[in-house]
Protein backbone atom coordinates (compact mmCIF):
# COMPACT_ATOMS: atom_id res chain seq x y z
CA MET A 1 -0.08 0.06 -0.01
CA GLU A 2 1.57 3.54 -1.07
CA THR A 3 1.04 6.76 0.37
CA ARG A 4 1.77 9.64 -1.81
CA VAL A 5 3.12 13.17 -0.15
CA ARG A 6 4.33 16.07 -2.10
CA SER A 7 5.97 19.33 -1.85
CA ALA A 8 6.00 21.89 -4.52
CA ALA A 9 9.22 19.94 -6.39
CA LYS A 10 9.28 16.31 -5.17
CA GLU A 11 6.94 13.01 -4.37
CA VAL A 12 7.85 10.94 -1.57
CA VAL A 13 6.18 7.35 -1.75
CA ILE A 14 5.64 5.66 1.52
CA GLY A 15 5.30 1.66 1.63
CA GLY A 16 4.78 -0.27 -1.23
CA GLY A 17 7.85 -2.39 -0.55
CA GLY A 18 10.17 0.60 -1.04
CA PRO A 19 12.74 2.01 1.88
CA THR A 20 11.69 3.30 5.18
CA VAL A 21 11.08 7.10 4.66
CA LEU A 22 12.03 9.47 7.46
CA ILE A 23 9.91 12.04 9.15
CA GLY A 24 12.20 14.42 10.65
CA GLU A 25 11.00 15.47 14.16
CA ARG A 26 12.97 18.30 15.22
CA ILE A 27 10.93 21.23 14.28
CA ASN A 28 8.65 20.80 17.41
CA PRO A 29 9.19 23.28 20.56
CA THR A 30 8.75 20.40 22.87
CA GLY A 31 11.95 20.25 25.02
CA LYS A 32 13.63 22.84 22.53
CA LYS A 33 14.22 25.91 24.70
CA ARG A 34 15.72 28.04 21.78
CA LEU A 35 13.15 26.96 19.22
CA ALA A 36 10.33 27.66 21.68
CA GLU A 37 11.74 31.18 22.72
CA ALA A 38 12.01 31.88 19.00
CA LEU A 39 8.69 31.21 18.09
CA ARG A 40 7.46 33.09 20.95
CA ALA A 41 9.19 36.21 19.51
CA GLY A 42 7.66 35.41 16.12
CA ASP A 43 11.28 34.30 14.83
CA LEU A 44 11.37 31.53 12.37
CA SER A 45 15.04 31.78 11.84
CA VAL A 46 15.50 28.71 14.23
CA ALA A 47 12.81 26.56 12.27
CA ARG A 48 14.41 27.34 8.92
CA GLU A 49 17.93 26.15 10.51
CA GLU A 50 16.26 22.77 11.75
CA ALA A 51 14.45 22.20 8.50
CA LEU A 52 18.00 22.61 6.53
CA ALA A 53 19.98 20.51 9.23
CA GLN A 54 17.64 17.42 8.69
CA VAL A 55 17.07 17.59 5.38
CA ALA A 56 21.22 17.27 5.02
CA ALA A 57 20.91 14.30 7.29
CA GLY A 58 18.59 12.69 5.33
CA ALA A 59 15.22 13.15 6.19
CA ASP A 60 12.47 12.62 3.52
CA ILE A 61 9.59 14.33 5.18
CA LEU A 62 9.64 17.51 7.94
CA ASP A 63 6.83 17.51 10.57
CA VAL A 64 6.51 21.15 11.67
CA ASN A 65 4.87 21.74 15.04
CA VAL A 66 4.69 25.15 16.80
CA GLY A 67 2.77 24.12 19.72
CA ALA A 68 4.34 26.03 23.26
CA THR A 69 2.91 28.29 25.84
CA GLY A 70 2.68 31.94 24.55
CA VAL A 71 2.55 30.73 20.84
CA ASP A 72 -0.67 31.57 18.76
CA GLU A 73 -0.75 28.27 16.63
CA ILE A 74 -3.28 29.67 14.46
CA ASP A 75 -1.23 32.70 13.50
CA MET A 76 2.20 30.66 13.75
CA LEU A 77 1.71 27.47 11.92
CA PRO A 78 0.81 28.67 8.50
CA ARG A 79 3.83 31.29 8.85
CA ALA A 80 6.30 28.17 9.80
CA VAL A 81 4.90 26.02 7.09
CA GLU A 82 5.60 28.58 4.63
CA ALA A 83 9.29 29.74 5.84
CA VAL A 84 10.09 25.65 5.83
CA ALA A 85 8.68 25.55 2.37
CA ALA A 86 10.69 28.14 1.15
CA VAL A 87 14.21 26.64 2.31
CA VAL A 88 13.75 22.84 1.80
CA ASP A 89 12.41 20.85 -1.16
CA VAL A 90 10.84 18.14 0.86
CA PRO A 91 6.98 17.53 1.55
CA LEU A 92 5.91 18.28 5.38
CA CYS A 93 3.86 17.10 8.06
CA ILE A 94 1.51 19.58 9.76
CA ASP A 95 1.27 19.00 13.08
CA SER A 96 -0.87 20.60 15.75
CA LYS A 97 -3.85 19.55 18.10
CA LYS A 98 -6.03 22.61 16.96
CA THR A 99 -8.16 22.06 14.07
CA LYS A 100 -8.05 25.72 13.04
CA ALA A 101 -4.48 25.71 12.68
CA LEU A 102 -4.42 22.65 10.67
CA ALA A 103 -6.52 24.54 8.53
CA ALA A 104 -4.80 27.53 8.21
CA ALA A 105 -1.38 25.54 7.45
CA LEU A 106 -3.11 23.46 4.76
CA ALA A 107 -4.39 26.51 3.07
CA VAL A 108 -0.90 27.92 2.39
CA CYS A 109 1.14 24.28 2.27
CA PRO A 110 2.54 23.76 -1.17
CA GLY A 111 2.21 20.31 -2.43
CA ARG A 112 0.16 17.20 -0.72
CA PRO A 113 1.19 17.27 3.17
CA ILE A 114 0.37 14.94 5.87
CA VAL A 115 -1.87 16.01 8.72
CA ASN A 116 -0.70 15.23 12.04
CA SER A 117 -2.88 14.00 13.31
CA VAL A 118 -6.43 12.40 14.28
CA THR A 119 -7.35 9.99 17.18
CA GLY A 120 -9.91 7.52 18.22
CA GLU A 121 -11.83 10.29 19.89
CA GLU A 122 -15.15 11.14 18.64
CA ALA A 123 -14.46 15.03 18.81
CA SER A 124 -11.05 14.75 16.68
CA LEU A 125 -12.59 12.25 14.19
CA GLU A 126 -15.58 14.85 13.89
CA GLU A 127 -13.09 17.84 13.30
CA VAL A 128 -10.15 16.57 11.56
CA LEU A 129 -11.61 13.98 9.02
CA PRO A 130 -13.74 16.30 7.24
CA LEU A 131 -10.85 18.80 6.91
CA VAL A 132 -8.79 15.90 5.38
CA LYS A 133 -11.14 15.13 3.05
CA GLU A 134 -11.71 18.71 2.22
CA TYR A 135 -7.79 19.05 0.98
CA GLY A 136 -7.51 15.56 -0.12
CA VAL A 137 -4.16 14.81 1.99
CA PRO A 138 -3.02 11.56 4.14
CA VAL A 139 -3.55 11.87 7.93
CA ILE A 140 -1.92 10.11 10.78
CA GLY A 141 -4.40 8.28 13.13
CA LEU A 142 -3.35 8.11 16.83
CA THR A 143 -4.02 5.11 18.41
CA LEU A 144 -5.52 6.83 21.72
CA ASP A 145 -9.35 7.66 22.42
CA GLU A 146 -10.97 9.28 25.39
CA LYS A 147 -9.36 6.98 27.77
CA GLY A 148 -5.99 7.79 26.82
CA ILE A 149 -3.63 5.23 25.45
CA PRO A 150 -4.32 1.82 26.07
CA ALA A 151 -1.70 -0.25 27.79
CA GLU A 152 -2.82 -3.40 25.65
CA ALA A 153 -2.12 -4.00 21.95
CA ALA A 154 -5.50 -5.35 21.01
CA ALA A 155 -7.27 -1.97 22.29
CA ARG A 156 -4.71 -0.10 20.19
CA VAL A 157 -5.42 -2.14 17.22
CA GLU A 158 -9.12 -1.68 17.91
CA ILE A 159 -8.83 2.02 17.56
CA ALA A 160 -6.95 1.74 14.70
CA HIS A 161 -9.76 -0.07 12.73
CA LYS A 162 -12.06 2.38 14.13
CA ILE A 163 -9.90 5.26 12.58
CA VAL A 164 -9.57 3.56 9.38
CA GLU A 165 -13.37 2.59 8.90
CA ARG A 166 -14.42 6.25 9.89
CA ALA A 167 -12.01 7.79 7.36
CA GLU A 168 -13.33 5.43 4.80
CA ALA A 169 -16.79 6.39 5.57
CA TYR A 170 -15.48 10.29 4.78
CA GLY A 171 -14.40 8.86 1.50
CA ILE A 172 -10.65 9.14 2.71
CA PRO A 173 -8.84 6.22 1.07
CA ARG A 174 -7.26 3.70 3.44
CA GLU A 175 -3.95 4.34 1.68
CA ASP A 176 -4.17 7.88 3.00
CA VAL A 177 -4.17 6.70 6.60
CA ILE A 178 -0.91 6.33 8.34
CA ILE A 179 -1.40 4.94 11.81
CA ASP A 180 1.09 5.16 15.06
CA CYS A 181 0.66 2.52 17.63
CA LEU A 182 2.57 4.93 20.07
CA THR A 183 5.44 3.95 22.24
CA LEU A 184 5.74 4.42 25.70
CA SER A 185 8.71 4.66 28.27
CA LEU A 186 10.47 1.09 28.89
CA GLY A 187 11.65 3.04 32.13
CA ALA A 188 8.13 3.01 33.50
CA ASN A 189 7.18 -0.22 31.92
CA VAL A 190 9.60 -2.95 30.85
CA LYS A 191 6.51 -4.58 28.64
CA ALA A 192 5.70 -1.27 26.87
CA GLY A 193 7.94 -2.13 23.77
CA LEU A 194 6.32 -5.42 23.55
CA ALA A 195 2.95 -4.10 23.56
CA THR A 196 3.48 -1.39 20.64
CA LEU A 197 5.53 -3.97 18.58
CA GLU A 198 2.49 -6.59 18.98
CA ALA A 199 -0.09 -3.68 17.71
CA THR A 200 2.18 -2.71 14.94
CA ARG A 201 2.35 -6.36 13.52
CA ARG A 202 -1.49 -6.65 14.02
CA VAL A 203 -2.12 -3.26 12.06
CA ARG A 204 0.15 -4.23 9.23
CA ASP A 205 -1.60 -7.81 9.08
CA GLU A 206 -5.21 -6.61 9.64
CA LEU A 207 -5.47 -3.10 7.82
CA GLY A 208 -2.27 -3.11 5.49
CA VAL A 209 -1.88 0.65 6.29
CA ASN A 210 1.48 2.48 6.44
CA GLN A 211 2.65 3.00 9.83
CA THR A 212 4.92 5.72 11.69
CA GLN A 213 6.25 5.87 15.22
CA GLY A 214 8.37 8.14 17.22
CA CYS A 215 11.08 6.60 19.11
CA SER A 216 11.67 9.29 21.81
CA ASN A 217 9.24 8.16 24.15
CA ILE A 218 10.70 4.46 24.43
CA SER A 219 14.05 5.55 25.88
CA HIS A 220 12.26 8.41 28.13
CA GLY A 221 14.20 8.49 31.48
CA LEU A 222 17.06 6.15 30.32
CA PRO A 223 20.77 6.64 29.23
CA ASN A 224 22.42 6.23 25.97
CA ARG A 225 19.21 7.29 24.25
CA PRO A 226 19.96 6.92 20.56
CA ILE A 227 21.55 3.38 20.94
CA LEU A 228 18.05 2.38 22.64
CA ASN A 229 15.99 4.35 19.86
CA GLY A 230 17.84 2.65 17.01
CA ALA A 231 17.76 -0.79 18.47
CA TYR A 232 13.99 -0.34 18.84
CA LEU A 233 13.34 1.30 15.50
CA ALA A 234 14.68 -1.37 13.67
CA MET A 235 12.44 -3.97 15.30
CA ALA A 236 9.56 -1.59 14.40
CA ILE A 237 10.38 -1.35 10.79
CA GLU A 238 10.30 -5.25 10.68
CA ALA A 239 7.08 -5.11 12.52
CA GLY A 240 5.48 -2.74 9.84
CA VAL A 241 6.43 0.58 10.54
CA THR A 242 7.45 2.39 7.18
CA CYS A 243 7.50 6.26 7.89
CA PRO A 244 8.95 6.66 11.53
CA THR A 245 9.12 10.07 13.01
CA VAL A 246 12.67 10.46 14.32
CA ASP A 247 15.75 12.96 14.89
CA VAL A 248 17.24 11.73 11.71
CA ALA A 249 20.79 12.52 12.69
CA GLN A 250 20.72 10.33 15.35
CA VAL A 251 19.21 7.03 13.96
CA ARG A 252 19.63 7.19 10.22
CA LEU A 253 22.07 4.67 10.04
CA ALA A 254 19.89 2.20 12.40
CA ILE A 255 17.50 2.74 10.09
CA LEU A 256 19.47 2.20 7.07
CA SER A 257 20.72 -1.10 8.51
CA ALA A 258 17.21 -2.43 9.18
CA ASP A 259 16.49 -1.63 5.31
CA LEU A 260 19.41 -3.31 4.39
CA ILE A 261 18.73 -6.78 6.50
CA LEU A 262 15.27 -6.67 5.21
CA GLY A 263 16.45 -6.73 1.43
CA ARG A 264 15.41 -3.02 0.82
CA ASP A 265 18.71 -1.99 -0.24
CA ASN A 266 20.17 -3.43 -3.36
CA TYR A 267 24.12 -4.10 -2.98
CA ALA A 268 24.05 -2.00 0.21
CA MET A 269 24.27 1.27 -1.68
CA ARG A 270 22.22 3.35 0.56
CA PHE A 271 24.10 2.27 3.69
CA ILE A 272 27.60 2.86 2.18
CA GLY A 273 26.57 6.00 0.87
CA ALA A 274 25.16 7.51 4.02
CA PHE A 275 28.15 5.96 5.80
CA ARG A 276 30.57 7.64 3.53
CA GLU A 277 28.69 10.97 3.82
CA MET A 278 29.02 10.76 7.80
CA GLN A 279 32.95 9.96 7.45
CA LYS A 280 33.30 13.11 5.05
CA ALA A 281 31.55 15.37 7.74
CA ALA A 282 33.44 14.16 10.70
CA GLN A 283 36.60 14.66 8.49
CA GLN A 284 35.68 18.30 7.55
CA ALA A 285 34.24 19.10 11.21
């Protein structure tokens, strides 16, 4: 199953047996003081810097989120989308919990972006899916509902089915729904990763849709986070994740390693090319 997204200049195909697509996560002020302060001041220079750095590191799509205390998302999100789109040629993933902010950003975003996100909550389904249908864009569906994120894999899969079914009822094709089975901290629950991986496999087998996942939560509170994140992502890709949302510079080689092992990198050309790029950058530093 293929999900197609576009910028003004480039199309990216997610799934269909192709290589893993990398969604860069760093244009998000959560935990990033410098970016948050810049956004509050109406300054988009940091967002542009992050966009350029992530694409240079190998990001295929960029997530754009401006949600921070003191930031008017309805005003700032479309401005951020325009600023990022002006400096990079990759498609965007427009990220907000506020439907009006999503609508304002979709109105100015070139190409065919992803909407991030809808949940299994009734209010979210009723507000976000008509907007997704209106603009004819893909949407990320988070497997949570009014009760939060279920601990059990089966409940997350049930929510995934609900999101896909409701999207199809609005006339949104299944290939335009990307499910996120959501990671939780291993530091709080050592079985959290197993539950997410089980849900990911079941969504792949039962629904066949493309899937994203962040890895930041899996390592929260633990040391050596990039190593743990990379190990988890390799397992998640094997389980069915096709477009993880990640800090590309930290985990790109782990993801390329997973693709190589899974037979998605002929003659290891992508893996070797990325390694040589990193060697060259280290020598020039």
